[in-house]
Amino acid sequence: MRHNDKVKRLSRTYSHRKALLKNLAIALFKYESVRTTVEKAKALRPFAEKLITKAKNDTVASRRLVFSKLRDKKIVKKLFEDIAQRYKNRNGGYTRIYRIGTRPGDSSEMAIIELVEELLVEK
């Protein structure tokens, strides 16, 4: 019986995996699209979506929690003021993963993870 297999370990230690997800999330929020392996994209998706959901509730506590995960003031500001406002009427599903084939060097399955375009409509 396999216990504790919900977390994608990505052949890394806890601290290495945490740093990897932090850096991928910062790149995703900065450029709104990241090219990486399929497994890393699948691991990044719930991490990033939880941060966006937390950012939709703009309080000091939620800003501190998101900052504790990302440690980048500019990205946290962009997340709360731009990205979270874009998805305020959407309940989850903020990211999309496209498979783009294999990497030539080692035949790893590659993917693009991007933020779903949600247009702001002024009423």
PDB file of N, CA and C in Angstrom:
ATOM      1  N   MET A   1       0.839  -1.177   0.000  1.00  0.00           N
ATOM      2  CA  MET A   1       0.000   0.000   0.000  1.00  0.00           C
ATOM      3  C   MET A   1       0.888   1.246   0.000  1.00  0.00           C
ATOM      4  N   ARG A   2       0.626   2.145  -0.964  1.00  0.00           N
ATOM      5  CA  ARG A   2       1.445   3.348  -1.075  1.00  0.00           C
ATOM      6  C   ARG A   2       0.832   4.471  -0.247  1.00  0.00           C
ATOM      7  N   HIS A   3       1.530   4.875   0.780  1.00  0.00           N
ATOM      8  CA  HIS A   3       1.091   5.997   1.594  1.00  0.00           C
ATOM      9  C   HIS A   3       1.849   7.245   1.173  1.00  0.00           C
ATOM     10  N   ASN A   4       1.238   8.377   1.409  1.00  0.00           N
ATOM     11  CA  ASN A   4       1.908   9.672   1.234  1.00  0.00           C
ATOM     12  C   ASN A   4       2.414   9.868  -0.197  1.00  0.00           C
ATOM     13  N   ASP A   5       1.632   9.463  -1.192  1.00  0.00           N
ATOM     14  CA  ASP A   5       2.068   9.608  -2.581  1.00  0.00           C
ATOM     15  C   ASP A   5       1.333  10.730  -3.310  1.00  0.00           C
ATOM     16  N   LYS A   6       0.650  11.593  -2.557  1.00  0.00           N
ATOM     17  CA  LYS A   6      -0.080  12.685  -3.182  1.00  0.00           C
ATOM     18  C   LYS A   6       0.870  13.789  -3.672  1.00  0.00           C
ATOM     19  N   VAL A   7       1.969  13.985  -2.958  1.00  0.00           N
ATOM     20  CA  VAL A   7       2.928  15.026  -3.315  1.00  0.00           C
ATOM     21  C   VAL A   7       3.839  14.527  -4.430  1.00  0.00           C
ATOM     22  N   LYS A   8       3.938  15.309  -5.507  1.00  0.00           N
ATOM     23  CA  LYS A   8       4.890  14.997  -6.571  1.00  0.00           C
ATOM     24  C   LYS A   8       6.275  15.367  -6.067  1.00  0.00           C
ATOM     25  N   ARG A   9       7.141  14.381  -5.898  1.00  0.00           N
ATOM     26  CA  ARG A   9       8.446  14.636  -5.289  1.00  0.00           C
ATOM     27  C   ARG A   9       9.481  15.138  -6.292  1.00  0.00           C
ATOM     28  N   LEU A  10       9.311  14.852  -7.569  1.00  0.00           N
ATOM     29  CA  LEU A  10      10.185  15.345  -8.631  1.00  0.00           C
ATOM     30  C   LEU A  10      11.656  15.008  -8.398  1.00  0.00           C
ATOM     31  N   SER A  11      11.925  13.921  -7.700  1.00  0.00           N
ATOM     32  CA  SER A  11      13.298  13.465  -7.411  1.00  0.00           C
ATOM     33  C   SER A  11      14.138  14.542  -6.727  1.00  0.00           C
ATOM     34  N   ARG A  12      13.514  15.269  -5.807  1.00  0.00           N
ATOM     35  CA  ARG A  12      14.191  16.348  -5.097  1.00  0.00           C
ATOM     36  C   ARG A  12      13.864  16.280  -3.611  1.00  0.00           C
ATOM     37  N   THR A  13      14.727  16.898  -2.813  1.00  0.00           N
ATOM     38  CA  THR A  13      14.437  17.001  -1.386  1.00  0.00           C
ATOM     39  C   THR A  13      13.333  18.032  -1.180  1.00  0.00           C
ATOM     40  N   TYR A  14      12.815  18.101   0.039  1.00  0.00           N
ATOM     41  CA  TYR A  14      11.736  19.032   0.355  1.00  0.00           C
ATOM     42  C   TYR A  14      12.147  20.475   0.062  1.00  0.00           C
ATOM     43  N   SER A  15      13.318  20.882   0.522  1.00  0.00           N
ATOM     44  CA  SER A  15      13.742  22.270   0.338  1.00  0.00           C
ATOM     45  C   SER A  15      14.016  22.586  -1.136  1.00  0.00           C
ATOM     46  N   HIS A  16      14.585  21.628  -1.864  1.00  0.00           N
ATOM     47  CA  HIS A  16      14.853  21.825  -3.293  1.00  0.00           C
ATOM     48  C   HIS A  16      13.537  21.937  -4.064  1.00  0.00           C
ATOM     49  N   ARG A  17      12.563  21.089  -3.737  1.00  0.00           N
ATOM     50  CA  ARG A  17      11.257  21.112  -4.390  1.00  0.00           C
ATOM     51  C   ARG A  17      10.529  22.422  -4.088  1.00  0.00           C
ATOM     52  N   LYS A  18      10.617  22.878  -2.836  1.00  0.00           N
ATOM     53  CA  LYS A  18       9.974  24.128  -2.438  1.00  0.00           C
ATOM     54  C   LYS A  18      10.575  25.305  -3.206  1.00  0.00           C
ATOM     55  N   ALA A  19      11.903  25.331  -3.346  1.00  0.00           N
ATOM     56  CA  ALA A  19      12.572  26.397  -4.092  1.00  0.00           C
ATOM     57  C   ALA A  19      12.211  26.336  -5.575  1.00  0.00           C
ATOM     58  N   LEU A  20      12.139  25.133  -6.129  1.00  0.00           N
ATOM     59  CA  LEU A  20      11.773  24.962  -7.532  1.00  0.00           C
ATOM     60  C   LEU A  20      10.373  25.508  -7.798  1.00  0.00           C
ATOM     61  N   LEU A  21       9.399  25.141  -6.960  1.00  0.00           N
ATOM     62  CA  LEU A  21       8.026  25.607  -7.151  1.00  0.00           C
ATOM     63  C   LEU A  21       7.926  27.117  -6.966  1.00  0.00           C
ATOM     64  N   LYS A  22       8.665  27.663  -6.008  1.00  0.00           N
ATOM     65  CA  LYS A  22       8.675  29.109  -5.789  1.00  0.00           C
ATOM     66  C   LYS A  22       9.190  29.823  -7.036  1.00  0.00           C
ATOM     67  N   ASN A  23      10.304  29.353  -7.581  1.00  0.00           N
ATOM     68  CA  ASN A  23      10.888  29.997  -8.761  1.00  0.00           C
ATOM     69  C   ASN A  23      10.003  29.849  -9.993  1.00  0.00           C
ATOM     70  N   LEU A  24       9.387  28.679 -10.168  1.00  0.00           N
ATOM     71  CA  LEU A  24       8.472  28.498 -11.299  1.00  0.00           C
ATOM     72  C   LEU A  24       7.240  29.391 -11.152  1.00  0.00           C
ATOM     73  N   ALA A  25       6.713  29.517  -9.931  1.00  0.00           N
ATOM     74  CA  ALA A  25       5.537  30.360  -9.700  1.00  0.00           C
ATOM     75  C   ALA A  25       5.866  31.826  -9.966  1.00  0.00           C
ATOM     76  N   ILE A  26       7.032  32.278  -9.522  1.00  0.00           N
ATOM     77  CA  ILE A  26       7.443  33.663  -9.781  1.00  0.00           C
ATOM     78  C   ILE A  26       7.536  33.904 -11.288  1.00  0.00           C
ATOM     79  N   ALA A  27       8.125  32.965 -12.019  1.00  0.00           N
ATOM     80  CA  ALA A  27       8.229  33.108 -13.477  1.00  0.00           C
ATOM     81  C   ALA A  27       6.848  33.096 -14.126  1.00  0.00           C
ATOM     82  N   LEU A  28       5.951  32.240 -13.636  1.00  0.00           N
ATOM     83  CA  LEU A  28       4.595  32.173 -14.191  1.00  0.00           C
ATOM     84  C   LEU A  28       3.861  33.489 -13.984  1.00  0.00           C
ATOM     85  N   PHE A  29       3.948  34.065 -12.787  1.00  0.00           N
ATOM     86  CA  PHE A  29       3.247  35.318 -12.517  1.00  0.00           C
ATOM     87  C   PHE A  29       3.911  36.501 -13.224  1.00  0.00           C
ATOM     88  N   LYS A  30       5.206  36.436 -13.431  1.00  0.00           N
ATOM     89  CA  LYS A  30       5.921  37.529 -14.091  1.00  0.00           C
ATOM     90  C   LYS A  30       5.660  37.539 -15.593  1.00  0.00           C
ATOM     91  N   TYR A  31       5.789  36.378 -16.239  1.00  0.00           N
ATOM     92  CA  TYR A  31       5.663  36.294 -17.696  1.00  0.00           C
ATOM     93  C   TYR A  31       4.319  35.735 -18.149  1.00  0.00           C
ATOM     94  N   GLU A  32       3.526  35.211 -17.229  1.00  0.00           N
ATOM     95  CA  GLU A  32       2.204  34.631 -17.454  1.00  0.00           C
ATOM     96  C   GLU A  32       2.237  33.387 -18.329  1.00  0.00           C
ATOM     97  N   SER A  33       3.429  32.848 -18.566  1.00  0.00           N
ATOM     98  CA  SER A  33       3.595  31.612 -19.314  1.00  0.00           C
ATOM     99  C   SER A  33       4.997  31.083 -19.043  1.00  0.00           C
ATOM    100  N   VAL A  34       5.116  29.759 -18.830  1.00  0.00           N
ATOM    101  CA  VAL A  34       6.409  29.147 -18.543  1.00  0.00           C
ATOM    102  C   VAL A  34       6.520  27.854 -19.335  1.00  0.00           C
ATOM    103  N   ARG A  35       7.695  27.621 -19.936  1.00  0.00           N
ATOM    104  CA  ARG A  35       7.975  26.371 -20.649  1.00  0.00           C
ATOM    105  C   ARG A  35       8.804  25.487 -19.732  1.00  0.00           C
ATOM    106  N   THR A  36       8.281  24.298 -19.393  1.00  0.00           N
ATOM    107  CA  THR A  36       8.949  23.399 -18.462  1.00  0.00           C
ATOM    108  C   THR A  36       8.530  21.969 -18.776  1.00  0.00           C
ATOM    109  N   THR A  37       8.955  21.012 -17.958  1.00  0.00           N
ATOM    110  CA  THR A  37       8.541  19.629 -18.186  1.00  0.00           C
ATOM    111  C   THR A  37       7.096  19.439 -17.733  1.00  0.00           C
ATOM    112  N   VAL A  38       6.452  18.410 -18.239  1.00  0.00           N
ATOM    113  CA  VAL A  38       5.052  18.147 -17.912  1.00  0.00           C
ATOM    114  C   VAL A  38       4.884  17.910 -16.413  1.00  0.00           C
ATOM    115  N   GLU A  39       5.776  17.133 -15.804  1.00  0.00           N
ATOM    116  CA  GLU A  39       5.641  16.825 -14.382  1.00  0.00           C
ATOM    117  C   GLU A  39       5.821  18.065 -13.510  1.00  0.00           C
ATOM    118  N   LYS A  40       6.752  18.935 -13.885  1.00  0.00           N
ATOM    119  CA  LYS A  40       6.920  20.174 -13.123  1.00  0.00           C
ATOM    120  C   LYS A  40       5.699  21.071 -13.289  1.00  0.00           C
ATOM    121  N   ALA A  41       5.132  21.109 -14.495  1.00  0.00           N
ATOM    122  CA  ALA A  41       3.929  21.909 -14.729  1.00  0.00           C
ATOM    123  C   ALA A  41       2.762  21.378 -13.906  1.00  0.00           C
ATOM    124  N   LYS A  42       2.629  20.052 -13.826  1.00  0.00           N
ATOM    125  CA  LYS A  42       1.552  19.456 -13.033  1.00  0.00           C
ATOM    126  C   LYS A  42       1.739  19.727 -11.544  1.00  0.00           C
ATOM    127  N   ALA A  43       2.988  19.809 -11.089  1.00  0.00           N
ATOM    128  CA  ALA A  43       3.254  20.120  -9.689  1.00  0.00           C
ATOM    129  C   ALA A  43       3.034  21.609  -9.408  1.00  0.00           C
ATOM    130  N   LEU A  44       3.324  22.455 -10.402  1.00  0.00           N
ATOM    131  CA  LEU A  44       3.177  23.901 -10.236  1.00  0.00           C
ATOM    132  C   LEU A  44       1.719  24.332 -10.202  1.00  0.00           C
ATOM    133  N   ARG A  45       0.873  23.668 -10.969  1.00  0.00           N
ATOM    134  CA  ARG A  45      -0.517  24.096 -11.106  1.00  0.00           C
ATOM    135  C   ARG A  45      -1.238  24.285  -9.767  1.00  0.00           C
ATOM    136  N   PRO A  46      -1.313  23.285  -8.866  1.00  0.00           N
ATOM    137  CA  PRO A  46      -2.034  23.519  -7.608  1.00  0.00           C
ATOM    138  C   PRO A  46      -1.359  24.570  -6.723  1.00  0.00           C
ATOM    139  N   PHE A  47      -0.033  24.647  -6.752  1.00  0.00           N
ATOM    140  CA  PHE A  47       0.693  25.641  -5.958  1.00  0.00           C
ATOM    141  C   PHE A  47       0.303  27.050  -6.405  1.00  0.00           C
ATOM    142  N   ALA A  48       0.330  27.305  -7.708  1.00  0.00           N
ATOM    143  CA  ALA A  48       0.019  28.631  -8.246  1.00  0.00           C
ATOM    144  C   ALA A  48      -1.458  28.973  -8.073  1.00  0.00           C
ATOM    145  N   GLU A  49      -2.333  28.002  -8.294  1.00  0.00           N
ATOM    146  CA  GLU A  49      -3.764  28.286  -8.190  1.00  0.00           C
ATOM    147  C   GLU A  49      -4.179  28.596  -6.760  1.00  0.00           C
ATOM    148  N   LYS A  50      -3.557  27.949  -5.786  1.00  0.00           N
ATOM    149  CA  LYS A  50      -3.851  28.269  -4.384  1.00  0.00           C
ATOM    150  C   LYS A  50      -3.407  29.688  -4.046  1.00  0.00           C
ATOM    151  N   LEU A  51      -2.277  30.124  -4.602  1.00  0.00           N
ATOM    152  CA  LEU A  51      -1.813  31.490  -4.358  1.00  0.00           C
ATOM    153  C   LEU A  51      -2.757  32.513  -4.990  1.00  0.00           C
ATOM    154  N   ILE A  52      -3.249  32.238  -6.190  1.00  0.00           N
ATOM    155  CA  ILE A  52      -4.184  33.159  -6.846  1.00  0.00           C
ATOM    156  C   ILE A  52      -5.478  33.238  -6.049  1.00  0.00           C
ATOM    157  N   THR A  53      -5.982  32.098  -5.594  1.00  0.00           N
ATOM    158  CA  THR A  53      -7.208  32.086  -4.796  1.00  0.00           C
ATOM    159  C   THR A  53      -7.012  32.878  -3.508  1.00  0.00           C
ATOM    160  N   LYS A  54      -5.869  32.721  -2.869  1.00  0.00           N
ATOM    161  CA  LYS A  54      -5.578  33.472  -1.648  1.00  0.00           C
ATOM    162  C   LYS A  54      -5.490  34.966  -1.948  1.00  0.00           C
ATOM    163  N   ALA A  55      -4.947  35.332  -3.106  1.00  0.00           N
ATOM    164  CA  ALA A  55      -4.775  36.740  -3.465  1.00  0.00           C
ATOM    165  C   ALA A  55      -6.100  37.424  -3.790  1.00  0.00           C
ATOM    166  N   LYS A  56      -7.125  36.664  -4.112  1.00  0.00           N
ATOM    167  CA  LYS A  56      -8.427  37.263  -4.405  1.00  0.00           C
ATOM    168  C   LYS A  56      -9.020  37.934  -3.171  1.00  0.00           C
ATOM    169  N   ASN A  57      -8.654  37.458  -1.974  1.00  0.00           N
ATOM    170  CA  ASN A  57      -9.087  38.067  -0.720  1.00  0.00           C
ATOM    171  C   ASN A  57      -7.952  38.968  -0.240  1.00  0.00           C
ATOM    172  N   ASP A  58      -8.003  40.242  -0.597  1.00  0.00           N
ATOM    173  CA  ASP A  58      -6.887  41.158  -0.351  1.00  0.00           C
ATOM    174  C   ASP A  58      -6.904  41.675   1.086  1.00  0.00           C
ATOM    175  N   THR A  59      -6.255  40.938   1.975  1.00  0.00           N
ATOM    176  CA  THR A  59      -6.081  41.369   3.360  1.00  0.00           C
ATOM    177  C   THR A  59      -4.588  41.358   3.676  1.00  0.00           C
ATOM    178  N   VAL A  60      -4.241  41.974   4.788  1.00  0.00           N
ATOM    179  CA  VAL A  60      -2.837  41.988   5.205  1.00  0.00           C
ATOM    180  C   VAL A  60      -2.359  40.564   5.451  1.00  0.00           C
ATOM    181  N   ALA A  61      -3.205  39.756   6.077  1.00  0.00           N
ATOM    182  CA  ALA A  61      -2.827  38.373   6.382  1.00  0.00           C
ATOM    183  C   ALA A  61      -2.582  37.568   5.112  1.00  0.00           C
ATOM    184  N   SER A  62      -3.446  37.732   4.100  1.00  0.00           N
ATOM    185  CA  SER A  62      -3.253  36.971   2.867  1.00  0.00           C
ATOM    186  C   SER A  62      -2.023  37.471   2.109  1.00  0.00           C
ATOM    187  N   ARG A  63      -1.747  38.779   2.159  1.00  0.00           N
ATOM    188  CA  ARG A  63      -0.525  39.299   1.531  1.00  0.00           C
ATOM    189  C   ARG A  63       0.717  38.721   2.200  1.00  0.00           C
ATOM    190  N   ARG A  64       0.693  38.632   3.524  1.00  0.00           N
ATOM    191  CA  ARG A  64       1.839  38.075   4.243  1.00  0.00           C
ATOM    192  C   ARG A  64       2.015  36.596   3.935  1.00  0.00           C
ATOM    193  N   LEU A  65       0.907  35.861   3.833  1.00  0.00           N
ATOM    194  CA  LEU A  65       0.997  34.435   3.529  1.00  0.00           C
ATOM    195  C   LEU A  65       1.586  34.214   2.136  1.00  0.00           C
ATOM    196  N   VAL A  66       1.096  34.970   1.156  1.00  0.00           N
ATOM    197  CA  VAL A  66       1.602  34.837  -0.213  1.00  0.00           C
ATOM    198  C   VAL A  66       3.067  35.273  -0.279  1.00  0.00           C
ATOM    199  N   PHE A  67       3.420  36.346   0.445  1.00  0.00           N
ATOM    200  CA  PHE A  67       4.819  36.785   0.454  1.00  0.00           C
ATOM    201  C   PHE A  67       5.720  35.732   1.089  1.00  0.00           C
ATOM    202  N   SER A  68       5.210  35.021   2.095  1.00  0.00           N
ATOM    203  CA  SER A  68       6.019  33.975   2.731  1.00  0.00           C
ATOM    204  C   SER A  68       6.307  32.832   1.766  1.00  0.00           C
ATOM    205  N   LYS A  69       5.440  32.622   0.787  1.00  0.00           N
ATOM    206  CA  LYS A  69       5.657  31.573  -0.213  1.00  0.00           C
ATOM    207  C   LYS A  69       6.557  32.041  -1.356  1.00  0.00           C
ATOM    208  N   LEU A  70       6.419  33.314  -1.782  1.00  0.00           N
ATOM    209  CA  LEU A  70       7.125  33.787  -2.975  1.00  0.00           C
ATOM    210  C   LEU A  70       8.377  34.611  -2.679  1.00  0.00           C
ATOM    211  N   ARG A  71       8.362  35.407  -1.612  1.00  0.00           N
ATOM    212  CA  ARG A  71       9.506  36.229  -1.209  1.00  0.00           C
ATOM    213  C   ARG A  71       9.938  37.214  -2.303  1.00  0.00           C
ATOM    214  N   ASP A  72       8.972  37.812  -3.004  1.00  0.00           N
ATOM    215  CA  ASP A  72       9.278  38.790  -4.046  1.00  0.00           C
ATOM    216  C   ASP A  72       8.181  39.855  -4.030  1.00  0.00           C
ATOM    217  N   LYS A  73       8.519  41.063  -3.568  1.00  0.00           N
ATOM    218  CA  LYS A  73       7.509  42.106  -3.368  1.00  0.00           C
ATOM    219  C   LYS A  73       6.827  42.524  -4.669  1.00  0.00           C
ATOM    220  N   LYS A  74       7.604  42.653  -5.760  1.00  0.00           N
ATOM    221  CA  LYS A  74       7.010  43.086  -7.029  1.00  0.00           C
ATOM    222  C   LYS A  74       6.004  42.068  -7.556  1.00  0.00           C
ATOM    223  N   ILE A  75       6.341  40.793  -7.437  1.00  0.00           N
ATOM    224  CA  ILE A  75       5.442  39.747  -7.931  1.00  0.00           C
ATOM    225  C   ILE A  75       4.190  39.671  -7.063  1.00  0.00           C
ATOM    226  N   VAL A  76       4.343  39.819  -5.742  1.00  0.00           N
ATOM    227  CA  VAL A  76       3.182  39.799  -4.843  1.00  0.00           C
ATOM    228  C   VAL A  76       2.255  40.965  -5.177  1.00  0.00           C
ATOM    229  N   LYS A  77       2.829  42.133  -5.433  1.00  0.00           N
ATOM    230  CA  LYS A  77       2.021  43.298  -5.798  1.00  0.00           C
ATOM    231  C   LYS A  77       1.266  43.044  -7.105  1.00  0.00           C
ATOM    232  N   LYS A  78       1.955  42.500  -8.104  1.00  0.00           N
ATOM    233  CA  LYS A  78       1.306  42.191  -9.383  1.00  0.00           C
ATOM    234  C   LYS A  78       0.212  41.143  -9.198  1.00  0.00           C
ATOM    235  N   LEU A  79       0.482  40.147  -8.361  1.00  0.00           N
ATOM    236  CA  LEU A  79      -0.487  39.084  -8.120  1.00  0.00           C
ATOM    237  C   LEU A  79      -1.766  39.640  -7.510  1.00  0.00           C
ATOM    238  N   PHE A  80      -1.650  40.516  -6.514  1.00  0.00           N
ATOM    239  CA  PHE A  80      -2.829  41.049  -5.837  1.00  0.00           C
ATOM    240  C   PHE A  80      -3.545  42.113  -6.661  1.00  0.00           C
ATOM    241  N   GLU A  81      -2.803  42.973  -7.350  1.00  0.00           N
ATOM    242  CA  GLU A  81      -3.431  44.104  -8.026  1.00  0.00           C
ATOM    243  C   GLU A  81      -3.850  43.813  -9.461  1.00  0.00           C
ATOM    244  N   ASP A  82      -3.208  42.863 -10.111  1.00  0.00           N
ATOM    245  CA  ASP A  82      -3.511  42.598 -11.517  1.00  0.00           C
ATOM    246  C   ASP A  82      -4.137  41.216 -11.711  1.00  0.00           C
ATOM    247  N   ILE A  83      -3.405  40.189 -11.342  1.00  0.00           N
ATOM    248  CA  ILE A  83      -3.830  38.821 -11.644  1.00  0.00           C
ATOM    249  C   ILE A  83      -5.079  38.427 -10.858  1.00  0.00           C
ATOM    250  N   ALA A  84      -5.112  38.713  -9.557  1.00  0.00           N
ATOM    251  CA  ALA A  84      -6.271  38.331  -8.738  1.00  0.00           C
ATOM    252  C   ALA A  84      -7.528  39.074  -9.182  1.00  0.00           C
ATOM    253  N   GLN A  85      -7.387  40.338  -9.582  1.00  0.00           N
ATOM    254  CA  GLN A  85      -8.547  41.103 -10.043  1.00  0.00           C
ATOM    255  C   GLN A  85      -9.091  40.547 -11.357  1.00  0.00           C
ATOM    256  N   ARG A  86      -8.197  40.027 -12.182  1.00  0.00           N
ATOM    257  CA  ARG A  86      -8.597  39.443 -13.452  1.00  0.00           C
ATOM    258  C   ARG A  86      -9.491  38.217 -13.245  1.00  0.00           C
ATOM    259  N   TYR A  87      -9.241  37.469 -12.158  1.00  0.00           N
ATOM    260  CA  TYR A  87      -9.964  36.221 -11.918  1.00  0.00           C
ATOM    261  C   TYR A  87     -10.963  36.321 -10.773  1.00  0.00           C
ATOM    262  N   LYS A  88     -11.407  37.530 -10.415  1.00  0.00           N
ATOM    263  CA  LYS A  88     -12.274  37.677  -9.243  1.00  0.00           C
ATOM    264  C   LYS A  88     -13.621  36.967  -9.404  1.00  0.00           C
ATOM    265  N   ASN A  89     -14.099  36.785 -10.626  1.00  0.00           N
ATOM    266  CA  ASN A  89     -15.379  36.102 -10.848  1.00  0.00           C
ATOM    267  C   ASN A  89     -15.210  34.658 -11.295  1.00  0.00           C
ATOM    268  N   ARG A  90     -14.002  34.133 -11.205  1.00  0.00           N
ATOM    269  CA  ARG A  90     -13.723  32.769 -11.655  1.00  0.00           C
ATOM    270  C   ARG A  90     -13.366  31.913 -10.451  1.00  0.00           C
ATOM    271  N   ASN A  91     -13.988  30.752 -10.336  1.00  0.00           N
ATOM    272  CA  ASN A  91     -13.736  29.855  -9.213  1.00  0.00           C
ATOM    273  C   ASN A  91     -12.772  28.753  -9.622  1.00  0.00           C
ATOM    274  N   GLY A  92     -11.488  29.053  -9.590  1.00  0.00           N
ATOM    275  CA  GLY A  92     -10.483  28.046  -9.915  1.00  0.00           C
ATOM    276  C   GLY A  92     -10.253  27.925 -11.407  1.00  0.00           C
ATOM    277  N   GLY A  93      -9.325  27.057 -11.772  1.00  0.00           N
ATOM    278  CA  GLY A  93      -9.004  26.843 -13.177  1.00  0.00           C
ATOM    279  C   GLY A  93      -8.321  28.039 -13.795  1.00  0.00           C
ATOM    280  N   TYR A  94      -7.335  28.604 -13.096  1.00  0.00           N
ATOM    281  CA  TYR A  94      -6.661  29.806 -13.582  1.00  0.00           C
ATOM    282  C   TYR A  94      -5.513  29.492 -14.532  1.00  0.00           C
ATOM    283  N   THR A  95      -5.090  28.233 -14.595  1.00  0.00           N
ATOM    284  CA  THR A  95      -3.952  27.870 -15.442  1.00  0.00           C
ATOM    285  C   THR A  95      -4.348  26.827 -16.475  1.00  0.00           C
ATOM    286  N   ARG A  96      -3.541  26.760 -17.529  1.00  0.00           N
ATOM    287  CA  ARG A  96      -3.760  25.795 -18.607  1.00  0.00           C
ATOM    288  C   ARG A  96      -2.406  25.188 -18.947  1.00  0.00           C
ATOM    289  N   ILE A  97      -2.389  23.875 -19.199  1.00  0.00           N
ATOM    290  CA  ILE A  97      -1.148  23.193 -19.553  1.00  0.00           C
ATOM    291  C   ILE A  97      -1.268  22.653 -20.973  1.00  0.00           C
ATOM    292  N   TYR A  98      -0.338  23.080 -21.847  1.00  0.00           N
ATOM    293  CA  TYR A  98      -0.245  22.560 -23.207  1.00  0.00           C
ATOM    294  C   TYR A  98       0.961  21.635 -23.285  1.00  0.00           C
ATOM    295  N   ARG A  99       0.799  20.464 -23.844  1.00  0.00           N
ATOM    296  CA  ARG A  99       1.952  19.599 -24.117  1.00  0.00           C
ATOM    297  C   ARG A  99       2.532  20.016 -25.465  1.00  0.00           C
ATOM    298  N   ILE A 100       3.862  20.148 -25.513  1.00  0.00           N
ATOM    299  CA  ILE A 100       4.494  20.654 -26.740  1.00  0.00           C
ATOM    300  C   ILE A 100       5.527  19.695 -27.305  1.00  0.00           C
ATOM    301  N   GLY A 101       5.446  18.428 -26.942  1.00  0.00           N
ATOM    302  CA  GLY A 101       6.383  17.458 -27.500  1.00  0.00           C
ATOM    303  C   GLY A 101       7.533  17.176 -26.556  1.00  0.00           C
ATOM    304  N   THR A 102       8.612  16.661 -27.126  1.00  0.00           N
ATOM    305  CA  THR A 102       9.746  16.254 -26.303  1.00  0.00           C
ATOM    306  C   THR A 102      10.928  17.192 -26.491  1.00  0.00           C
ATOM    307  N   ARG A 103      11.786  17.239 -25.485  1.00  0.00           N
ATOM    308  CA  ARG A 103      13.013  18.022 -25.534  1.00  0.00           C
ATOM    309  C   ARG A 103      14.051  17.214 -26.308  1.00  0.00           C
ATOM    310  N   PRO A 104      14.770  17.827 -27.248  1.00  0.00           N
ATOM    311  CA  PRO A 104      15.718  17.071 -28.073  1.00  0.00           C
ATOM    312  C   PRO A 104      16.835  16.389 -27.281  1.00  0.00           C
ATOM    313  N   GLY A 105      17.333  17.014 -26.241  1.00  0.00           N
ATOM    314  CA  GLY A 105      18.485  16.487 -25.527  1.00  0.00           C
ATOM    315  C   GLY A 105      18.238  15.176 -24.809  1.00  0.00           C
ATOM    316  N   ASP A 106      17.104  15.079 -24.094  1.00  0.00           N
ATOM    317  CA  ASP A 106      16.862  13.889 -23.274  1.00  0.00           C
ATOM    318  C   ASP A 106      15.462  13.303 -23.454  1.00  0.00           C
ATOM    319  N   SER A 107      14.721  13.775 -24.432  1.00  0.00           N
ATOM    320  CA  SER A 107      13.369  13.284 -24.737  1.00  0.00           C
ATOM    321  C   SER A 107      12.392  13.431 -23.578  1.00  0.00           C
ATOM    322  N   SER A 108      12.589  14.444 -22.729  1.00  0.00           N
ATOM    323  CA  SER A 108      11.622  14.728 -21.667  1.00  0.00           C
ATOM    324  C   SER A 108      10.387  15.368 -22.286  1.00  0.00           C
ATOM    325  N   GLU A 109       9.216  14.968 -21.803  1.00  0.00           N
ATOM    326  CA  GLU A 109       7.973  15.580 -22.261  1.00  0.00           C
ATOM    327  C   GLU A 109       7.927  17.021 -21.775  1.00  0.00           C
ATOM    328  N   MET A 110       7.748  17.956 -22.695  1.00  0.00           N
ATOM    329  CA  MET A 110       7.723  19.371 -22.352  1.00  0.00           C
ATOM    330  C   MET A 110       6.300  19.906 -22.417  1.00  0.00           C
ATOM    331  N   ALA A 111       6.070  20.997 -21.682  1.00  0.00           N
ATOM    332  CA  ALA A 111       4.748  21.608 -21.642  1.00  0.00           C
ATOM    333  C   ALA A 111       4.894  23.106 -21.433  1.00  0.00           C
ATOM    334  N   ILE A 112       3.852  23.824 -21.802  1.00  0.00           N
ATOM    335  CA  ILE A 112       3.751  25.247 -21.488  1.00  0.00           C
ATOM    336  C   ILE A 112       2.598  25.385 -20.510  1.00  0.00           C
ATOM    337  N   ILE A 113       2.873  25.982 -19.361  1.00  0.00           N
ATOM    338  CA  ILE A 113       1.805  26.290 -18.408  1.00  0.00           C
ATOM    339  C   ILE A 113       1.606  27.796 -18.460  1.00  0.00           C
ATOM    340  N   GLU A 114       0.348  28.212 -18.612  1.00  0.00           N
ATOM    341  CA  GLU A 114       0.068  29.634 -18.744  1.00  0.00           C
ATOM    342  C   GLU A 114      -1.179  29.997 -17.966  1.00  0.00           C
ATOM    343  N   LEU A 115      -1.305  31.277 -17.679  1.00  0.00           N
ATOM    344  CA  LEU A 115      -2.508  31.778 -17.032  1.00  0.00           C
ATOM    345  C   LEU A 115      -3.594  31.915 -18.092  1.00  0.00           C
ATOM    346  N   VAL A 116      -4.788  31.484 -17.765  1.00  0.00           N
ATOM    347  CA  VAL A 116      -5.916  31.571 -18.688  1.00  0.00           C
ATOM    348  C   VAL A 116      -6.270  33.042 -18.867  1.00  0.00           C
ATOM    349  N   GLU A 117      -6.514  33.447 -20.097  1.00  0.00           N
ATOM    350  CA  GLU A 117      -6.880  34.839 -20.361  1.00  0.00           C
ATOM    351  C   GLU A 117      -8.304  35.085 -19.888  1.00  0.00           C
ATOM    352  N   GLU A 118      -8.443  36.039 -19.020  1.00  0.00           N
ATOM    353  CA  GLU A 118      -9.757  36.440 -18.514  1.00  0.00           C
ATOM    354  C   GLU A 118      -9.830  37.948 -18.708  1.00  0.00           C
ATOM    355  N   LEU A 119     -10.659  38.382 -19.629  1.00  0.00           N
ATOM    356  CA  LEU A 119     -10.731  39.802 -19.939  1.00  0.00           C
ATOM    357  C   LEU A 119     -11.558  40.532 -18.894  1.00  0.00           C
ATOM    358  N   LEU A 120     -11.061  41.688 -18.459  1.00  0.00           N
ATOM    359  CA  LEU A 120     -11.803  42.527 -17.531  1.00  0.00           C
ATOM    360  C   LEU A 120     -12.794  43.358 -18.332  1.00  0.00           C
ATOM    361  N   VAL A 121     -14.073  43.260 -17.983  1.00  0.00           N
ATOM    362  CA  VAL A 121     -15.106  44.009 -18.677  1.00  0.00           C
ATOM    363  C   VAL A 121     -15.628  45.078 -17.729  1.00  0.00           C
ATOM    364  N   GLU A 122     -15.461  46.332 -18.110  1.00  0.00           N
ATOM    365  CA  GLU A 122     -15.957  47.448 -17.298  1.00  0.00           C
ATOM    366  C   GLU A 122     -17.443  47.624 -17.570  1.00  0.00           C
ATOM    367  N   LYS A 123     -18.229  47.715 -16.488  1.00  0.00           N
ATOM    368  CA  LYS A 123     -19.676  47.922 -16.665  1.00  0.00           C
ATOM    369  C   LYS A 123     -20.088  49.236 -16.069  1.00  0.00           C
TER     370      LYS A 123
END
